[in-house]
PDB file of all heavy atoms in Angstrom:
ATOM      1  N   ALA A   1     -16.875   7.257 -19.302  1.00  0.00           N
ATOM      2  CA  ALA A   1     -15.933   8.254 -18.792  1.00  0.00           C
ATOM      3  C   ALA A   1     -15.445   9.185 -19.898  1.00  0.00           C
ATOM      4  O   ALA A   1     -15.193  10.367 -19.652  1.00  0.00           O
ATOM      5  CB  ALA A   1     -14.751   7.570 -18.112  1.00  0.00           C
ATOM      6  N   ASP A   2     -15.345   8.678 -21.127  1.00  0.00           N
ATOM      7  CA  ASP A   2     -14.880   9.518 -22.225  1.00  0.00           C
ATOM      8  C   ASP A   2     -16.016  10.301 -22.895  1.00  0.00           C
ATOM      9  O   ASP A   2     -15.794  11.058 -23.831  1.00  0.00           O
ATOM     10  CB  ASP A   2     -14.127   8.694 -23.267  1.00  0.00           C
ATOM     11  CG  ASP A   2     -14.982   7.603 -23.899  1.00  0.00           C
ATOM     12  OD1 ASP A   2     -16.211   7.572 -23.680  1.00  0.00           O
ATOM     13  OD2 ASP A   2     -14.413   6.766 -24.619  1.00  0.00           O
ATOM     14  N   GLY A   3     -17.240  10.107 -22.426  1.00  0.00           N
ATOM     15  CA  GLY A   3     -18.379  10.848 -22.951  1.00  0.00           C
ATOM     16  C   GLY A   3     -18.870  10.383 -24.306  1.00  0.00           C
ATOM     17  O   GLY A   3     -19.701  11.035 -24.921  1.00  0.00           O
ATOM     18  N   ARG A   4     -18.395   9.232 -24.776  1.00  0.00           N
ATOM     19  CA  ARG A   4     -18.790   8.756 -26.115  1.00  0.00           C
ATOM     20  C   ARG A   4     -20.066   7.932 -26.127  1.00  0.00           C
ATOM     21  O   ARG A   4     -20.735   7.838 -27.151  1.00  0.00           O
ATOM     22  CB  ARG A   4     -17.667   7.946 -26.747  1.00  0.00           C
ATOM     23  CG  ARG A   4     -16.431   8.759 -27.027  1.00  0.00           C
ATOM     24  CD  ARG A   4     -15.337   7.971 -27.697  1.00  0.00           C
ATOM     25  NE  ARG A   4     -15.394   6.548 -27.410  1.00  0.00           N
ATOM     26  CZ  ARG A   4     -15.009   5.590 -28.238  1.00  0.00           C
ATOM     27  NH1 ARG A   4     -14.513   5.900 -29.408  1.00  0.00           N
ATOM     28  NH2 ARG A   4     -15.077   4.327 -27.893  1.00  0.00           N
ATOM     29  N   PHE A   5     -20.410   7.303 -24.997  1.00  0.00           N
ATOM     30  CA  PHE A   5     -21.563   6.404 -24.956  1.00  0.00           C
ATOM     31  C   PHE A   5     -22.482   6.723 -23.790  1.00  0.00           C
ATOM     32  O   PHE A   5     -22.021   7.098 -22.714  1.00  0.00           O
ATOM     33  CB  PHE A   5     -21.110   4.945 -24.831  1.00  0.00           C
ATOM     34  CG  PHE A   5     -20.324   4.465 -26.001  1.00  0.00           C
ATOM     35  CD1 PHE A   5     -18.944   4.472 -25.980  1.00  0.00           C
ATOM     36  CD2 PHE A   5     -20.962   4.024 -27.148  1.00  0.00           C
ATOM     37  CE1 PHE A   5     -18.202   4.039 -27.060  1.00  0.00           C
ATOM     38  CE2 PHE A   5     -20.233   3.595 -28.245  1.00  0.00           C
ATOM     39  CZ  PHE A   5     -18.847   3.598 -28.200  1.00  0.00           C
ATOM     40  N   LEU A   6     -23.766   6.540 -24.020  1.00  0.00           N
ATOM     41  CA  LEU A   6     -24.782   6.658 -22.988  1.00  0.00           C
ATOM     42  C   LEU A   6     -25.528   5.338 -22.934  1.00  0.00           C
ATOM     43  O   LEU A   6     -26.040   4.871 -23.953  1.00  0.00           O
ATOM     44  CB  LEU A   6     -25.767   7.786 -23.325  1.00  0.00           C
ATOM     45  CG  LEU A   6     -27.003   7.854 -22.443  1.00  0.00           C
ATOM     46  CD1 LEU A   6     -26.626   8.398 -21.068  1.00  0.00           C
ATOM     47  CD2 LEU A   6     -28.087   8.700 -23.081  1.00  0.00           C
ATOM     48  N   ALA A   7     -25.557   4.729 -21.772  1.00  0.00           N
ATOM     49  CA  ALA A   7     -26.361   3.522 -21.563  1.00  0.00           C
ATOM     50  C   ALA A   7     -27.570   3.924 -20.721  1.00  0.00           C
ATOM     51  O   ALA A   7     -27.473   4.814 -19.880  1.00  0.00           O
ATOM     52  CB  ALA A   7     -25.548   2.453 -20.840  1.00  0.00           C
ATOM     53  N   TYR A   8     -28.696   3.288 -20.977  1.00  0.00           N
ATOM     54  CA  TYR A   8     -29.896   3.609 -20.204  1.00  0.00           C
ATOM     55  C   TYR A   8     -30.869   2.440 -20.248  1.00  0.00           C
ATOM     56  O   TYR A   8     -30.760   1.542 -21.086  1.00  0.00           O
ATOM     57  CB  TYR A   8     -30.560   4.899 -20.711  1.00  0.00           C
ATOM     58  CG  TYR A   8     -31.015   4.851 -22.147  1.00  0.00           C
ATOM     59  CD1 TYR A   8     -32.310   4.478 -22.481  1.00  0.00           C
ATOM     60  CD2 TYR A   8     -30.146   5.187 -23.182  1.00  0.00           C
ATOM     61  CE1 TYR A   8     -32.727   4.448 -23.798  1.00  0.00           C
ATOM     62  CE2 TYR A   8     -30.550   5.161 -24.497  1.00  0.00           C
ATOM     63  CZ  TYR A   8     -31.848   4.788 -24.803  1.00  0.00           C
ATOM     64  OH  TYR A   8     -32.255   4.752 -26.114  1.00  0.00           O
ATOM     65  N   VAL A   9     -31.821   2.476 -19.317  1.00  0.00           N
ATOM     66  CA  VAL A   9     -32.882   1.475 -19.261  1.00  0.00           C
ATOM     67  C   VAL A   9     -34.120   2.078 -19.901  1.00  0.00           C
ATOM     68  O   VAL A   9     -34.519   3.194 -19.585  1.00  0.00           O
ATOM     69  CB  VAL A   9     -33.175   1.070 -17.798  1.00  0.00           C
ATOM     70  CG1 VAL A   9     -34.405   0.166 -17.717  1.00  0.00           C
ATOM     71  CG2 VAL A   9     -31.966   0.385 -17.186  1.00  0.00           C
ATOM     72  N   GLU A  10     -34.689   1.341 -20.818  1.00  0.00           N
ATOM     73  CA  GLU A  10     -35.943   1.737 -21.462  1.00  0.00           C
ATOM     74  C   GLU A  10     -37.049   0.924 -20.792  1.00  0.00           C
ATOM     75  O   GLU A  10     -36.964  -0.298 -20.726  1.00  0.00           O
ATOM     76  CB  GLU A  10     -35.862   1.416 -22.955  1.00  0.00           C
ATOM     77  CG  GLU A  10     -37.005   1.929 -23.769  1.00  0.00           C
ATOM     78  CD  GLU A  10     -36.962   3.428 -23.998  1.00  0.00           C
ATOM     79  OE1 GLU A  10     -35.874   3.987 -24.225  1.00  0.00           O
ATOM     80  OE2 GLU A  10     -38.042   4.036 -23.954  1.00  0.00           O
ATOM     81  N   GLN A  11     -38.063   1.610 -20.261  1.00  0.00           N
ATOM     82  CA  GLN A  11     -39.133   0.911 -19.554  1.00  0.00           C
ATOM     83  C   GLN A  11     -40.452   1.141 -20.267  1.00  0.00           C
ATOM     84  O   GLN A  11     -40.937   2.261 -20.362  1.00  0.00           O
ATOM     85  CB  GLN A  11     -39.242   1.380 -18.105  1.00  0.00           C
ATOM     86  CG  GLN A  11     -40.324   0.626 -17.366  1.00  0.00           C
ATOM     87  CD  GLN A  11     -40.129   0.624 -15.874  1.00  0.00           C
ATOM     88  OE1 GLN A  11     -39.072   0.965 -15.374  1.00  0.00           O
ATOM     89  NE2 GLN A  11     -41.154   0.215 -15.161  1.00  0.00           N
ATOM     90  N   ILE A  12     -41.017   0.042 -20.780  1.00  0.00           N
ATOM     91  CA  ILE A  12     -42.328   0.066 -21.416  1.00  0.00           C
ATOM     92  C   ILE A  12     -43.234  -0.806 -20.549  1.00  0.00           C
ATOM     93  O   ILE A  12     -43.080  -2.026 -20.511  1.00  0.00           O
ATOM     94  CB  ILE A  12     -42.273  -0.493 -22.864  1.00  0.00           C
ATOM     95  CG1 ILE A  12     -41.205   0.212 -23.702  1.00  0.00           C
ATOM     96  CG2 ILE A  12     -43.653  -0.407 -23.506  1.00  0.00           C
ATOM     97  CD1 ILE A  12     -41.430   1.681 -23.930  1.00  0.00           C
ATOM     98  N   GLY A  13     -44.146  -0.183 -19.834  1.00  0.00           N
ATOM     99  CA  GLY A  13     -44.964  -0.911 -18.860  1.00  0.00           C
ATOM    100  C   GLY A  13     -44.061  -1.464 -17.779  1.00  0.00           C
ATOM    101  O   GLY A  13     -43.281  -0.737 -17.176  1.00  0.00           O
ATOM    102  N   SER A  14     -44.101  -2.762 -17.555  1.00  0.00           N
ATOM    103  CA  SER A  14     -43.215  -3.373 -16.559  1.00  0.00           C
ATOM    104  C   SER A  14     -41.975  -3.999 -17.204  1.00  0.00           C
ATOM    105  O   SER A  14     -41.122  -4.548 -16.506  1.00  0.00           O
ATOM    106  CB  SER A  14     -43.972  -4.437 -15.756  1.00  0.00           C
ATOM    107  OG  SER A  14     -44.416  -5.469 -16.625  1.00  0.00           O
ATOM    108  N   ASP A  15     -41.868  -3.924 -18.530  1.00  0.00           N
ATOM    109  CA  ASP A  15     -40.715  -4.483 -19.232  1.00  0.00           C
ATOM    110  C   ASP A  15     -39.565  -3.484 -19.265  1.00  0.00           C
ATOM    111  O   ASP A  15     -39.756  -2.317 -19.620  1.00  0.00           O
ATOM    112  CB  ASP A  15     -41.082  -4.876 -20.667  1.00  0.00           C
ATOM    113  CG  ASP A  15     -42.029  -6.048 -20.731  1.00  0.00           C
ATOM    114  OD1 ASP A  15     -42.083  -6.827 -19.751  1.00  0.00           O
ATOM    115  OD2 ASP A  15     -42.726  -6.187 -21.751  1.00  0.00           O
ATOM    116  N   GLN A  16     -38.365  -3.955 -18.924  1.00  0.00           N
ATOM    117  CA  GLN A  16     -37.172  -3.114 -18.933  1.00  0.00           C
ATOM    118  C   GLN A  16     -36.111  -3.743 -19.827  1.00  0.00           C
ATOM    119  O   GLN A  16     -35.845  -4.929 -19.733  1.00  0.00           O
ATOM    120  CB  GLN A  16     -36.602  -2.961 -17.524  1.00  0.00           C
ATOM    121  CG  GLN A  16     -37.514  -2.220 -16.578  1.00  0.00           C
ATOM    122  CD  GLN A  16     -36.896  -2.086 -15.210  1.00  0.00           C
ATOM    123  OE1 GLN A  16     -36.205  -2.981 -14.736  1.00  0.00           O
ATOM    124  NE2 GLN A  16     -37.138  -0.958 -14.578  1.00  0.00           N
ATOM    125  N   SER A  17     -35.519  -2.921 -20.687  1.00  0.00           N
ATOM    126  CA  SER A  17     -34.428  -3.372 -21.548  1.00  0.00           C
ATOM    127  C   SER A  17     -33.293  -2.361 -21.430  1.00  0.00           C
ATOM    128  O   SER A  17     -33.495  -1.231 -20.998  1.00  0.00           O
ATOM    129  CB  SER A  17     -34.902  -3.496 -22.995  1.00  0.00           C
ATOM    130  OG  SER A  17     -35.478  -2.274 -23.438  1.00  0.00           O
ATOM    131  N   VAL A  18     -32.081  -2.781 -21.817  1.00  0.00           N
ATOM    132  CA  VAL A  18     -30.914  -1.901 -21.737  1.00  0.00           C
ATOM    133  C   VAL A  18     -30.516  -1.499 -23.153  1.00  0.00           C
ATOM    134  O   VAL A  18     -30.421  -2.346 -24.049  1.00  0.00           O
ATOM    135  CB  VAL A  18     -29.729  -2.592 -21.017  1.00  0.00           C
ATOM    136  CG1 VAL A  18     -28.513  -1.671 -20.962  1.00  0.00           C
ATOM    137  CG2 VAL A  18     -30.133  -3.020 -19.608  1.00  0.00           C
ATOM    138  N   TRP A  19     -30.272  -0.209 -23.313  1.00  0.00           N
ATOM    139  CA  TRP A  19     -29.904   0.365 -24.607  1.00  0.00           C
ATOM    140  C   TRP A  19     -28.607   1.130 -24.464  1.00  0.00           C
ATOM    141  O   TRP A  19     -28.275   1.608 -23.371  1.00  0.00           O
ATOM    142  CB  TRP A  19     -30.993   1.308 -25.092  1.00  0.00           C
ATOM    143  CG  TRP A  19     -32.267   0.598 -25.406  1.00  0.00           C
ATOM    144  CD1 TRP A  19     -33.168   0.077 -24.507  1.00  0.00           C
ATOM    145  CD2 TRP A  19     -32.783   0.305 -26.692  1.00  0.00           C
ATOM    146  NE1 TRP A  19     -34.208  -0.526 -25.167  1.00  0.00           N
ATOM    147  CE2 TRP A  19     -34.001  -0.391 -26.512  1.00  0.00           C
ATOM    148  CE3 TRP A  19     -32.338   0.575 -27.978  1.00  0.00           C
ATOM    149  CZ2 TRP A  19     -34.768  -0.825 -27.586  1.00  0.00           C
ATOM    150  CZ3 TRP A  19     -33.114   0.143 -29.048  1.00  0.00           C
ATOM    151  CH2 TRP A  19     -34.314  -0.553 -28.846  1.00  0.00           C
ATOM    152  N   ILE A  20     -27.881   1.270 -25.565  1.00  0.00           N
ATOM    153  CA  ILE A  20     -26.674   2.089 -25.572  1.00  0.00           C
ATOM    154  C   ILE A  20     -26.741   3.011 -26.786  1.00  0.00           C
ATOM    155  O   ILE A  20     -27.203   2.609 -27.862  1.00  0.00           O
ATOM    156  CB  ILE A  20     -25.385   1.241 -25.554  1.00  0.00           C
ATOM    157  CG1 ILE A  20     -24.189   2.128 -25.264  1.00  0.00           C
ATOM    158  CG2 ILE A  20     -25.213   0.451 -26.820  1.00  0.00           C
ATOM    159  CD1 ILE A  20     -23.065   1.459 -24.551  1.00  0.00           C
ATOM    160  N   ARG A  21     -26.307   4.223 -26.569  1.00  0.00           N
ATOM    161  CA  ARG A  21     -26.309   5.224 -27.648  1.00  0.00           C
ATOM    162  C   ARG A  21     -24.909   5.764 -27.836  1.00  0.00           C
ATOM    163  O   ARG A  21     -24.241   6.137 -26.874  1.00  0.00           O
ATOM    164  CB  ARG A  21     -27.245   6.372 -27.297  1.00  0.00           C
ATOM    165  CG  ARG A  21     -27.249   7.451 -28.365  1.00  0.00           C
ATOM    166  CD  ARG A  21     -28.105   8.615 -27.939  1.00  0.00           C
ATOM    167  NE  ARG A  21     -27.954   9.702 -28.882  1.00  0.00           N
ATOM    168  CZ  ARG A  21     -28.940  10.215 -29.589  1.00  0.00           C
ATOM    169  NH1 ARG A  21     -30.152   9.740 -29.452  1.00  0.00           N
ATOM    170  NH2 ARG A  21     -28.711  11.211 -30.418  1.00  0.00           N
ATOM    171  N   GLN A  22     -24.451   5.759 -29.060  1.00  0.00           N
ATOM    172  CA  GLN A  22     -23.178   6.381 -29.411  1.00  0.00           C
ATOM    173  C   GLN A  22     -23.498   7.852 -29.655  1.00  0.00           C
ATOM    174  O   GLN A  22     -24.203   8.200 -30.606  1.00  0.00           O
ATOM    175  CB  GLN A  22     -22.575   5.723 -30.646  1.00  0.00           C
ATOM    176  CG  GLN A  22     -21.178   6.163 -30.912  1.00  0.00           C
ATOM    177  CD  GLN A  22     -20.542   5.343 -32.023  1.00  0.00           C
ATOM    178  OE1 GLN A  22     -21.150   4.469 -32.619  1.00  0.00           O
ATOM    179  NE2 GLN A  22     -19.299   5.648 -32.293  1.00  0.00           N
ATOM    180  N   ILE A  23     -23.023   8.714 -28.775  1.00  0.00           N
ATOM    181  CA  ILE A  23     -23.453  10.101 -28.770  1.00  0.00           C
ATOM    182  C   ILE A  23     -23.065  10.841 -30.051  1.00  0.00           C
ATOM    183  O   ILE A  23     -23.859  11.607 -30.594  1.00  0.00           O
ATOM    184  CB  ILE A  23     -22.937  10.821 -27.507  1.00  0.00           C
ATOM    185  CG1 ILE A  23     -23.645  10.208 -26.286  1.00  0.00           C
ATOM    186  CG2 ILE A  23     -23.161  12.310 -27.576  1.00  0.00           C
ATOM    187  CD1 ILE A  23     -23.146  10.670 -24.958  1.00  0.00           C
ATOM    188  N   ALA A  24     -21.895  10.609 -30.595  1.00  0.00           N
ATOM    189  CA  ALA A  24     -21.418  11.356 -31.760  1.00  0.00           C
ATOM    190  C   ALA A  24     -22.286  11.171 -32.998  1.00  0.00           C
ATOM    191  O   ALA A  24     -22.505  12.104 -33.757  1.00  0.00           O
ATOM    192  CB  ALA A  24     -19.975  10.989 -32.072  1.00  0.00           C
TER     193      ALA A  24
END
C-alpha cells in the first residue's frame, strides 16, 4: 500500500517461487 515493496511469482518451467523487491 505504501509503494515500497513489490511481491511477485517467478515461474521457471512449472516451478513457481515468490520474490519480493524493495523498490527504492
